Amino acid sequence: CRRIRDESTVPVIMLSARADAIDVVLGLEAGADDYVTKPFDGA
């Protein structure tokens, strides 16, 4: 995500098997726009 954000503003969604604060915050701080916790519903 950080590498992508260095090159582009394309939207990024992170997927994580856990909703731990560390996982969520690290992904968002890296430049992600949102996150979804696994398992997730396709819809």
ModelCIF file with pLDDT and N, C-alpha, C, O atoms, coordinates in Angstrom:
data_MODEL
#
_entry.id   MODEL 
#
_entity.id                         1 
_entity.type                       polymer 
_entity.pdbx_number_of_molecules   1 
#
_entity_poly.entity_id                      1 
_entity_poly.type                           'polypeptide(L)' 
_entity_poly.nstd_linkage                   no 
_entity_poly.nstd_monomer                   no 
_entity_poly.pdbx_seq_one_letter_code       CRRIRDESTVPVIMLSARADAIDVVLGLEAGADDYVTKPFDGA 
_entity_poly.pdbx_seq_one_letter_code_can   CRRIRDESTVPVIMLSARADAIDVVLGLEAGADDYVTKPFDGA 
_entity_poly.pdbx_strand_id                 A 
#
loop_
_entity_poly_seq.entity_id 
_entity_poly_seq.num 
_entity_poly_seq.mon_id 
_entity_poly_seq.hetero 
1 1  CYS n 
1 2  ARG n 
1 3  ARG n 
1 4  ILE n 
1 5  ARG n 
1 6  ASP n 
1 7  GLU n 
1 8  SER n 
1 9  THR n 
1 10 VAL n 
1 11 PRO n 
1 12 VAL n 
1 13 ILE n 
1 14 MET n 
1 15 LEU n 
1 16 SER n 
1 17 ALA n 
1 18 ARG n 
1 19 ALA n 
1 20 ASP n 
1 21 ALA n 
1 22 ILE n 
1 23 ASP n 
1 24 VAL n 
1 25 VAL n 
1 26 LEU n 
1 27 GLY n 
1 28 LEU n 
1 29 GLU n 
1 30 ALA n 
1 31 GLY n 
1 32 ALA n 
1 33 ASP n 
1 34 ASP n 
1 35 TYR n 
1 36 VAL n 
1 37 THR n 
1 38 LYS n 
1 39 PRO n 
1 40 PHE n 
1 41 ASP n 
1 42 GLY n 
1 43 ALA n 
#
_struct_asym.id          A 
_struct_asym.entity_id   1 
#
loop_
_ma_qa_metric.id 
_ma_qa_metric.mode 
_ma_qa_metric.name 
_ma_qa_metric.software_group_id 
_ma_qa_metric.type 
1 global pLDDT . pLDDT 
2 local  pLDDT . pLDDT 
#
_ma_qa_metric_global.metric_id      1 
_ma_qa_metric_global.metric_value   88.05 
_ma_qa_metric_global.model_id       1 
_ma_qa_metric_global.ordinal_id     1 
#
loop_
_ma_qa_metric_local.label_asym_id 
_ma_qa_metric_local.label_comp_id 
_ma_qa_metric_local.label_seq_id 
_ma_qa_metric_local.metric_id 
_ma_qa_metric_local.metric_value 
_ma_qa_metric_local.model_id 
_ma_qa_metric_local.ordinal_id 
A CYS 1  2 96.00 1 1  
A ARG 2  2 96.00 1 2  
A ARG 3  2 96.00 1 3  
A ILE 4  2 97.00 1 4  
A ARG 5  2 94.00 1 5  
A ASP 6  2 93.00 1 6  
A GLU 7  2 93.00 1 7  
A SER 8  2 93.00 1 8  
A THR 9  2 90.00 1 9  
A VAL 10 2 93.00 1 10 
A PRO 11 2 94.00 1 11 
A VAL 12 2 96.00 1 12 
A ILE 13 2 96.00 1 13 
A MET 14 2 94.00 1 14 
A LEU 15 2 92.00 1 15 
A SER 16 2 86.00 1 16 
A ALA 17 2 80.00 1 17 
A ARG 18 2 69.00 1 18 
A ALA 19 2 63.00 1 19 
A ASP 20 2 67.00 1 20 
A ALA 21 2 68.00 1 21 
A ILE 22 2 76.00 1 22 
A ASP 23 2 77.00 1 23 
A VAL 24 2 79.00 1 24 
A VAL 25 2 85.00 1 25 
A LEU 26 2 87.00 1 26 
A GLY 27 2 88.00 1 27 
A LEU 28 2 90.00 1 28 
A GLU 29 2 91.00 1 29 
A ALA 30 2 92.00 1 30 
A GLY 31 2 92.00 1 31 
A ALA 32 2 94.00 1 32 
A ASP 33 2 93.00 1 33 
A ASP 34 2 92.00 1 34 
A TYR 35 2 90.00 1 35 
A VAL 36 2 90.00 1 36 
A THR 37 2 87.00 1 37 
A LYS 38 2 87.00 1 38 
A PRO 39 2 87.00 1 39 
A PHE 40 2 89.00 1 40 
A ASP 41 2 90.00 1 41 
A GLY 42 2 92.00 1 42 
A ALA 43 2 92.00 1 43 
#
loop_
_atom_site.group_PDB 
_atom_site.id 
_atom_site.type_symbol 
_atom_site.label_atom_id 
_atom_site.label_alt_id 
_atom_site.label_comp_id 
_atom_site.label_asym_id 
_atom_site.label_entity_id 
_atom_site.label_seq_id 
_atom_site.pdbx_PDB_ins_code 
_atom_site.Cartn_x 
_atom_site.Cartn_y 
_atom_site.Cartn_z 
_atom_site.occupancy 
_atom_site.B_iso_or_equiv 
_atom_site.pdbx_formal_charge 
_atom_site.auth_seq_id 
_atom_site.auth_comp_id 
_atom_site.auth_asym_id 
_atom_site.auth_atom_id 
_atom_site.pdbx_PDB_model_num 
ATOM 1   N N  . CYS A 1 1  ? 0.834   -1.205  0.000  1.00 96.00 ? 1  CYS A N  1 
ATOM 2   C CA . CYS A 1 1  ? 0.000   0.000   0.000  1.00 96.00 ? 1  CYS A CA 1 
ATOM 3   C C  . CYS A 1 1  ? 0.869   1.256   0.000  1.00 96.00 ? 1  CYS A C  1 
ATOM 4   O O  . CYS A 1 1  ? 0.592   2.210   -0.726 1.00 96.00 ? 1  CYS A O  1 
ATOM 5   N N  . ARG A 1 2  ? 1.919   1.249   0.816  1.00 96.00 ? 2  ARG A N  1 
ATOM 6   C CA . ARG A 1 2  ? 2.819   2.409   0.849  1.00 96.00 ? 2  ARG A CA 1 
ATOM 7   C C  . ARG A 1 2  ? 3.475   2.630   -0.516 1.00 96.00 ? 2  ARG A C  1 
ATOM 8   O O  . ARG A 1 2  ? 3.596   3.766   -0.974 1.00 96.00 ? 2  ARG A O  1 
ATOM 9   N N  . ARG A 1 3  ? 3.893   1.552   -1.153 1.00 96.00 ? 3  ARG A N  1 
ATOM 10  C CA . ARG A 1 3  ? 4.545   1.669   -2.465 1.00 96.00 ? 3  ARG A CA 1 
ATOM 11  C C  . ARG A 1 3  ? 3.566   2.237   -3.493 1.00 96.00 ? 3  ARG A C  1 
ATOM 12  O O  . ARG A 1 3  ? 3.920   3.097   -4.300 1.00 96.00 ? 3  ARG A O  1 
ATOM 13  N N  . ILE A 1 4  ? 2.334   1.743   -3.449 1.00 97.00 ? 4  ILE A N  1 
ATOM 14  C CA . ILE A 1 4  ? 1.314   2.256   -4.360 1.00 97.00 ? 4  ILE A CA 1 
ATOM 15  C C  . ILE A 1 4  ? 1.041   3.727   -4.091 1.00 97.00 ? 4  ILE A C  1 
ATOM 16  O O  . ILE A 1 4  ? 0.925   4.527   -5.019 1.00 97.00 ? 4  ILE A O  1 
ATOM 17  N N  . ARG A 1 5  ? 0.939   4.077   -2.815 1.00 94.00 ? 5  ARG A N  1 
ATOM 18  C CA . ARG A 1 5  ? 0.623   5.463   -2.465 1.00 94.00 ? 5  ARG A CA 1 
ATOM 19  C C  . ARG A 1 5  ? 1.760   6.411   -2.835 1.00 94.00 ? 5  ARG A C  1 
ATOM 20  O O  . ARG A 1 5  ? 1.515   7.590   -3.088 1.00 94.00 ? 5  ARG A O  1 
ATOM 21  N N  . ASP A 1 6  ? 2.994   5.921   -2.873 1.00 93.00 ? 6  ASP A N  1 
ATOM 22  C CA . ASP A 1 6  ? 4.120   6.752   -3.314 1.00 93.00 ? 6  ASP A CA 1 
ATOM 23  C C  . ASP A 1 6  ? 3.998   7.132   -4.785 1.00 93.00 ? 6  ASP A C  1 
ATOM 24  O O  . ASP A 1 6  ? 4.555   8.137   -5.227 1.00 93.00 ? 6  ASP A O  1 
ATOM 25  N N  . GLU A 1 7  ? 3.262   6.314   -5.538 1.00 93.00 ? 7  GLU A N  1 
ATOM 26  C CA . GLU A 1 7  ? 3.183   6.500   -6.986 1.00 93.00 ? 7  GLU A CA 1 
ATOM 27  C C  . GLU A 1 7  ? 1.818   6.963   -7.476 1.00 93.00 ? 7  GLU A C  1 
ATOM 28  O O  . GLU A 1 7  ? 1.702   7.458   -8.598 1.00 93.00 ? 7  GLU A O  1 
ATOM 29  N N  . SER A 1 8  ? 0.780   6.812   -6.653 1.00 93.00 ? 8  SER A N  1 
ATOM 30  C CA . SER A 1 8  ? -0.567  7.026   -7.165 1.00 93.00 ? 8  SER A CA 1 
ATOM 31  C C  . SER A 1 8  ? -1.544  7.342   -6.036 1.00 93.00 ? 8  SER A C  1 
ATOM 32  O O  . SER A 1 8  ? -1.307  7.011   -4.875 1.00 93.00 ? 8  SER A O  1 
ATOM 33  N N  . THR A 1 9  ? -2.650  7.990   -6.408 1.00 90.00 ? 9  THR A N  1 
ATOM 34  C CA . THR A 1 9  ? -3.746  8.222   -5.460 1.00 90.00 ? 9  THR A CA 1 
ATOM 35  C C  . THR A 1 9  ? -4.895  7.239   -5.695 1.00 90.00 ? 9  THR A C  1 
ATOM 36  O O  . THR A 1 9  ? -5.998  7.438   -5.187 1.00 90.00 ? 9  THR A O  1 
ATOM 37  N N  . VAL A 1 10 ? -4.636  6.179   -6.465 1.00 93.00 ? 10 VAL A N  1 
ATOM 38  C CA . VAL A 1 10 ? -5.671  5.180   -6.733 1.00 93.00 ? 10 VAL A CA 1 
ATOM 39  C C  . VAL A 1 10 ? -6.247  4.657   -5.413 1.00 93.00 ? 10 VAL A C  1 
ATOM 40  O O  . VAL A 1 10 ? -5.492  4.439   -4.465 1.00 93.00 ? 10 VAL A O  1 
ATOM 41  N N  . PRO A 1 11 ? -7.555  4.453   -5.331 1.00 94.00 ? 11 PRO A N  1 
ATOM 42  C CA . PRO A 1 11 ? -8.145  3.969   -4.081 1.00 94.00 ? 11 PRO A CA 1 
ATOM 43  C C  . PRO A 1 11 ? -7.585  2.608   -3.674 1.00 94.00 ? 11 PRO A C  1 
ATOM 44  O O  . PRO A 1 11 ? -7.306  1.757   -4.518 1.00 94.00 ? 11 PRO A O  1 
ATOM 45  N N  . VAL A 1 12 ? -7.427  2.422   -2.364 1.00 96.00 ? 12 VAL A N  1 
ATOM 46  C CA . VAL A 1 12 ? -6.920  1.164   -1.814 1.00 96.00 ? 12 VAL A CA 1 
ATOM 47  C C  . VAL A 1 12 ? -7.816  0.715   -0.665 1.00 96.00 ? 12 VAL A C  1 
ATOM 48  O O  . VAL A 1 12 ? -8.133  1.495   0.233  1.00 96.00 ? 12 VAL A O  1 
ATOM 49  N N  . ILE A 1 13 ? -8.217  -0.546  -0.706 1.00 96.00 ? 13 ILE A N  1 
ATOM 50  C CA . ILE A 1 13 ? -8.945  -1.168  0.402  1.00 96.00 ? 13 ILE A CA 1 
ATOM 51  C C  . ILE A 1 13 ? -8.092  -2.310  0.930  1.00 96.00 ? 13 ILE A C  1 
ATOM 52  O O  . ILE A 1 13 ? -7.638  -3.158  0.162  1.00 96.00 ? 13 ILE A O  1 
ATOM 53  N N  . MET A 1 14 ? -7.874  -2.334  2.235  1.00 94.00 ? 14 MET A N  1 
ATOM 54  C CA . MET A 1 14 ? -7.116  -3.402  2.863  1.00 94.00 ? 14 MET A CA 1 
ATOM 55  C C  . MET A 1 14 ? -8.062  -4.496  3.350  1.00 94.00 ? 14 MET A C  1 
ATOM 56  O O  . MET A 1 14 ? -9.175  -4.215  3.796  1.00 94.00 ? 14 MET A O  1 
ATOM 57  N N  . LEU A 1 15 ? -7.610  -5.741  3.260  1.00 92.00 ? 15 LEU A N  1 
ATOM 58  C CA . LEU A 1 15 ? -8.332  -6.887  3.803  1.00 92.00 ? 15 LEU A CA 1 
ATOM 59  C C  . LEU A 1 15 ? -7.511  -7.480  4.938  1.00 92.00 ? 15 LEU A C  1 
ATOM 60  O O  . LEU A 1 15 ? -6.302  -7.669  4.806  1.00 92.00 ? 15 LEU A O  1 
ATOM 61  N N  . SER A 1 16 ? -8.170  -7.772  6.052  1.00 86.00 ? 16 SER A N  1 
ATOM 62  C CA . SER A 1 16 ? -7.457  -8.337  7.187  1.00 86.00 ? 16 SER A CA 1 
ATOM 63  C C  . SER A 1 16 ? -8.290  -9.432  7.819  1.00 86.00 ? 16 SER A C  1 
ATOM 64  O O  . SER A 1 16 ? -9.507  -9.301  7.950  1.00 86.00 ? 16 SER A O  1 
ATOM 65  N N  . ALA A 1 17 ? -7.628  -10.521 8.214  1.00 80.00 ? 17 ALA A N  1 
ATOM 66  C CA . ALA A 1 17 ? -8.320  -11.615 8.888  1.00 80.00 ? 17 ALA A CA 1 
ATOM 67  C C  . ALA A 1 17 ? -8.660  -11.255 10.329 1.00 80.00 ? 17 ALA A C  1 
ATOM 68  O O  . ALA A 1 17 ? -9.435  -11.950 10.986 1.00 80.00 ? 17 ALA A O  1 
ATOM 69  N N  . ARG A 1 18 ? -8.080  -10.176 10.806 1.00 69.00 ? 18 ARG A N  1 
ATOM 70  C CA . ARG A 1 18 ? -8.328  -9.723  12.164 1.00 69.00 ? 18 ARG A CA 1 
ATOM 71  C C  . ARG A 1 18 ? -8.736  -8.263  12.151 1.00 69.00 ? 18 ARG A C  1 
ATOM 72  O O  . ARG A 1 18 ? -8.371  -7.514  11.245 1.00 69.00 ? 18 ARG A O  1 
ATOM 73  N N  . ALA A 1 19 ? -9.492  -7.864  13.158 1.00 63.00 ? 19 ALA A N  1 
ATOM 74  C CA . ALA A 1 19 ? -9.873  -6.458  13.286 1.00 63.00 ? 19 ALA A CA 1 
ATOM 75  C C  . ALA A 1 19 ? -9.009  -5.775  14.336 1.00 63.00 ? 19 ALA A C  1 
ATOM 76  O O  . ALA A 1 19 ? -9.396  -4.758  14.912 1.00 63.00 ? 19 ALA A O  1 
ATOM 77  N N  . ASP A 1 20 ? -7.810  -6.358  14.582 1.00 67.00 ? 20 ASP A N  1 
ATOM 78  C CA . ASP A 1 20 ? -6.916  -5.776  15.575 1.00 67.00 ? 20 ASP A CA 1 
ATOM 79  C C  . ASP A 1 20 ? -6.594  -4.336  15.227 1.00 67.00 ? 20 ASP A C  1 
ATOM 80  O O  . ASP A 1 20 ? -6.452  -3.989  14.054 1.00 67.00 ? 20 ASP A O  1 
ATOM 81  N N  . ALA A 1 21 ? -6.480  -3.506  16.239 1.00 68.00 ? 21 ALA A N  1 
ATOM 82  C CA . ALA A 1 21 ? -6.191  -2.094  16.029 1.00 68.00 ? 21 ALA A CA 1 
ATOM 83  C C  . ALA A 1 21 ? -4.892  -1.896  15.258 1.00 68.00 ? 21 ALA A C  1 
ATOM 84  O O  . ALA A 1 21 ? -4.790  -0.995  14.427 1.00 68.00 ? 21 ALA A O  1 
ATOM 85  N N  . ILE A 1 22 ? -3.906  -2.735  15.533 1.00 76.00 ? 22 ILE A N  1 
ATOM 86  C CA . ILE A 1 22 ? -2.608  -2.566  14.859 1.00 76.00 ? 22 ILE A CA 1 
ATOM 87  C C  . ILE A 1 22 ? -2.758  -2.784  13.368 1.00 76.00 ? 22 ILE A C  1 
ATOM 88  O O  . ILE A 1 22 ? -2.264  -1.979  12.580 1.00 76.00 ? 22 ILE A O  1 
ATOM 89  N N  . ASP A 1 23 ? -3.431  -3.857  12.958 1.00 77.00 ? 23 ASP A N  1 
ATOM 90  C CA . ASP A 1 23 ? -3.643  -4.138  11.542 1.00 77.00 ? 23 ASP A CA 1 
ATOM 91  C C  . ASP A 1 23 ? -4.387  -2.993  10.862 1.00 77.00 ? 23 ASP A C  1 
ATOM 92  O O  . ASP A 1 23 ? -3.987  -2.518  9.799  1.00 77.00 ? 23 ASP A O  1 
ATOM 93  N N  . VAL A 1 24 ? -5.474  -2.559  11.492 1.00 79.00 ? 24 VAL A N  1 
ATOM 94  C CA . VAL A 1 24 ? -6.312  -1.518  10.912 1.00 79.00 ? 24 VAL A CA 1 
ATOM 95  C C  . VAL A 1 24 ? -5.552  -0.205  10.781 1.00 79.00 ? 24 VAL A C  1 
ATOM 96  O O  . VAL A 1 24 ? -5.524  0.404   9.711  1.00 79.00 ? 24 VAL A O  1 
ATOM 97  N N  . VAL A 1 25 ? -4.941  0.220   11.871 1.00 85.00 ? 25 VAL A N  1 
ATOM 98  C CA . VAL A 1 25 ? -4.258  1.512   11.879 1.00 85.00 ? 25 VAL A CA 1 
ATOM 99  C C  . VAL A 1 25 ? -3.062  1.519   10.939 1.00 85.00 ? 25 VAL A C  1 
ATOM 100 O O  . VAL A 1 25 ? -2.847  2.498   10.224 1.00 85.00 ? 25 VAL A O  1 
ATOM 101 N N  . LEU A 1 26 ? -2.283  0.445   10.929 1.00 87.00 ? 26 LEU A N  1 
ATOM 102 C CA . LEU A 1 26 ? -1.128  0.394   10.034 1.00 87.00 ? 26 LEU A CA 1 
ATOM 103 C C  . LEU A 1 26 ? -1.561  0.513   8.575  1.00 87.00 ? 26 LEU A C  1 
ATOM 104 O O  . LEU A 1 26 ? -0.938  1.233   7.794  1.00 87.00 ? 26 LEU A O  1 
ATOM 105 N N  . GLY A 1 27 ? -2.627  -0.191  8.211  1.00 88.00 ? 27 GLY A N  1 
ATOM 106 C CA . GLY A 1 27 ? -3.117  -0.117  6.840  1.00 88.00 ? 27 GLY A CA 1 
ATOM 107 C C  . GLY A 1 27 ? -3.600  1.272   6.478  1.00 88.00 ? 27 GLY A C  1 
ATOM 108 O O  . GLY A 1 27 ? -3.297  1.777   5.398  1.00 88.00 ? 27 GLY A O  1 
ATOM 109 N N  . LEU A 1 28 ? -4.351  1.892   7.375  1.00 90.00 ? 28 LEU A N  1 
ATOM 110 C CA . LEU A 1 28 ? -4.860  3.235   7.104  1.00 90.00 ? 28 LEU A CA 1 
ATOM 111 C C  . LEU A 1 28 ? -3.743  4.267   7.081  1.00 90.00 ? 28 LEU A C  1 
ATOM 112 O O  . LEU A 1 28 ? -3.741  5.173   6.247  1.00 90.00 ? 28 LEU A O  1 
ATOM 113 N N  . GLU A 1 29 ? -2.795  4.127   8.001  1.00 91.00 ? 29 GLU A N  1 
ATOM 114 C CA . GLU A 1 29 ? -1.676  5.073   8.022  1.00 91.00 ? 29 GLU A CA 1 
ATOM 115 C C  . GLU A 1 29 ? -0.809  4.938   6.775  1.00 91.00 ? 29 GLU A C  1 
ATOM 116 O O  . GLU A 1 29 ? -0.161  5.898   6.360  1.00 91.00 ? 29 GLU A O  1 
ATOM 117 N N  . ALA A 1 30 ? -0.798  3.748   6.179  1.00 92.00 ? 30 ALA A N  1 
ATOM 118 C CA . ALA A 1 30 ? -0.023  3.530   4.959  1.00 92.00 ? 30 ALA A CA 1 
ATOM 119 C C  . ALA A 1 30 ? -0.676  4.191   3.753  1.00 92.00 ? 30 ALA A C  1 
ATOM 120 O O  . ALA A 1 30 ? -0.066  4.295   2.689  1.00 92.00 ? 30 ALA A O  1 
ATOM 121 N N  . GLY A 1 31 ? -1.919  4.638   3.921  1.00 92.00 ? 31 GLY A N  1 
ATOM 122 C CA . GLY A 1 31 ? -2.592  5.343   2.834  1.00 92.00 ? 31 GLY A CA 1 
ATOM 123 C C  . GLY A 1 31 ? -3.852  4.680   2.327  1.00 92.00 ? 31 GLY A C  1 
ATOM 124 O O  . GLY A 1 31 ? -4.447  5.152   1.358  1.00 92.00 ? 31 GLY A O  1 
ATOM 125 N N  . ALA A 1 32 ? -4.278  3.583   2.965  1.00 94.00 ? 32 ALA A N  1 
ATOM 126 C CA . ALA A 1 32 ? -5.507  2.917   2.529  1.00 94.00 ? 32 ALA A CA 1 
ATOM 127 C C  . ALA A 1 32 ? -6.713  3.811   2.790  1.00 94.00 ? 32 ALA A C  1 
ATOM 128 O O  . ALA A 1 32 ? -6.730  4.595   3.740  1.00 94.00 ? 32 ALA A O  1 
ATOM 129 N N  . ASP A 1 33 ? -7.719  3.681   1.934  1.00 93.00 ? 33 ASP A N  1 
ATOM 130 C CA . ASP A 1 33 ? -8.935  4.473   2.076  1.00 93.00 ? 33 ASP A CA 1 
ATOM 131 C C  . ASP A 1 33 ? -9.955  3.802   2.979  1.00 93.00 ? 33 ASP A C  1 
ATOM 132 O O  . ASP A 1 33 ? -10.781 4.476   3.593  1.00 93.00 ? 33 ASP A O  1 
ATOM 133 N N  . ASP A 1 34 ? -9.902  2.482   3.062  1.00 92.00 ? 34 ASP A N  1 
ATOM 134 C CA . ASP A 1 34 ? -10.867 1.746   3.864  1.00 92.00 ? 34 ASP A CA 1 
ATOM 135 C C  . ASP A 1 34 ? -10.299 0.358   4.123  1.00 92.00 ? 34 ASP A C  1 
ATOM 136 O O  . ASP A 1 34 ? -9.261  -0.001  3.568  1.00 92.00 ? 34 ASP A O  1 
ATOM 137 N N  . TYR A 1 35 ? -10.971 -0.425  4.961  1.00 90.00 ? 35 TYR A N  1 
ATOM 138 C CA . TYR A 1 35 ? -10.556 -1.801  5.197  1.00 90.00 ? 35 TYR A CA 1 
ATOM 139 C C  . TYR A 1 35 ? -11.787 -2.660  5.406  1.00 90.00 ? 35 TYR A C  1 
ATOM 140 O O  . TYR A 1 35 ? -12.842 -2.177  5.817  1.00 90.00 ? 35 TYR A O  1 
ATOM 141 N N  . VAL A 1 36 ? -11.632 -3.944  5.116  1.00 90.00 ? 36 VAL A N  1 
ATOM 142 C CA . VAL A 1 36 ? -12.704 -4.920  5.297  1.00 90.00 ? 36 VAL A CA 1 
ATOM 143 C C  . VAL A 1 36 ? -12.120 -6.109  6.052  1.00 90.00 ? 36 VAL A C  1 
ATOM 144 O O  . VAL A 1 36 ? -11.034 -6.587  5.725  1.00 90.00 ? 36 VAL A O  1 
ATOM 145 N N  . THR A 1 37 ? -12.842 -6.581  7.058  1.00 87.00 ? 37 THR A N  1 
ATOM 146 C CA . THR A 1 37 ? -12.380 -7.703  7.865  1.00 87.00 ? 37 THR A CA 1 
ATOM 147 C C  . THR A 1 37 ? -12.858 -9.021  7.271  1.00 87.00 ? 37 THR A C  1 
ATOM 148 O O  . THR A 1 37 ? -14.025 -9.164  6.908  1.00 87.00 ? 37 THR A O  1 
ATOM 149 N N  . LYS A 1 38 ? -11.942 -9.983  7.177  1.00 87.00 ? 38 LYS A N  1 
ATOM 150 C CA . LYS A 1 38 ? -12.301 -11.337 6.719  1.00 87.00 ? 38 LYS A CA 1 
ATOM 151 C C  . LYS A 1 38 ? -12.772 -12.176 7.912  1.00 87.00 ? 38 LYS A C  1 
ATOM 152 O O  . LYS A 1 38 ? -12.301 -11.970 9.031  1.00 87.00 ? 38 LYS A O  1 
ATOM 153 N N  . PRO A 1 39 ? -13.698 -13.124 7.688  1.00 87.00 ? 39 PRO A N  1 
ATOM 154 C CA . PRO A 1 39 ? -14.389 -13.412 6.420  1.00 87.00 ? 39 PRO A CA 1 
ATOM 155 C C  . PRO A 1 39 ? -15.413 -12.329 6.107  1.00 87.00 ? 39 PRO A C  1 
ATOM 156 O O  . PRO A 1 39 ? -16.009 -11.745 7.012  1.00 87.00 ? 39 PRO A O  1 
ATOM 157 N N  . PHE A 1 40 ? -15.614 -12.065 4.822  1.00 89.00 ? 40 PHE A N  1 
ATOM 158 C CA . PHE A 1 40 ? -16.534 -11.019 4.417  1.00 89.00 ? 40 PHE A CA 1 
ATOM 159 C C  . PHE A 1 40 ? -17.574 -11.579 3.459  1.00 89.00 ? 40 PHE A C  1 
ATOM 160 O O  . PHE A 1 40 ? -17.344 -12.584 2.786  1.00 89.00 ? 40 PHE A O  1 
ATOM 161 N N  . ASP A 1 41 ? -18.714 -10.916 3.410  1.00 90.00 ? 41 ASP A N  1 
ATOM 162 C CA . ASP A 1 41 ? -19.757 -11.258 2.451  1.00 90.00 ? 41 ASP A CA 1 
ATOM 163 C C  . ASP A 1 41 ? -19.427 -10.575 1.126  1.00 90.00 ? 41 ASP A C  1 
ATOM 164 O O  . ASP A 1 41 ? -19.052 -9.403  1.100  1.00 90.00 ? 41 ASP A O  1 
ATOM 165 N N  . GLY A 1 42 ? -19.570 -11.314 0.030  1.00 92.00 ? 42 GLY A N  1 
ATOM 166 C CA . GLY A 1 42 ? -19.226 -10.765 -1.279 1.00 92.00 ? 42 GLY A CA 1 
ATOM 167 C C  . GLY A 1 42 ? -19.992 -9.503  -1.611 1.00 92.00 ? 42 GLY A C  1 
ATOM 168 O O  . GLY A 1 42 ? -19.433 -8.568  -2.184 1.00 92.00 ? 42 GLY A O  1 
ATOM 169 N N  . ALA A 1 43 ? -21.276 -9.463  -1.255 1.00 92.00 ? 43 ALA A N  1 
ATOM 170 C CA . ALA A 1 43 ? -22.092 -8.285  -1.551 1.00 92.00 ? 43 ALA A CA 1 
ATOM 171 C C  . ALA A 1 43 ? -21.619 -7.070  -0.762 1.00 92.00 ? 43 ALA A C  1 
ATOM 172 O O  . ALA A 1 43 ? -22.195 -5.989  -0.890 1.00 92.00 ? 43 ALA A O  1 
#
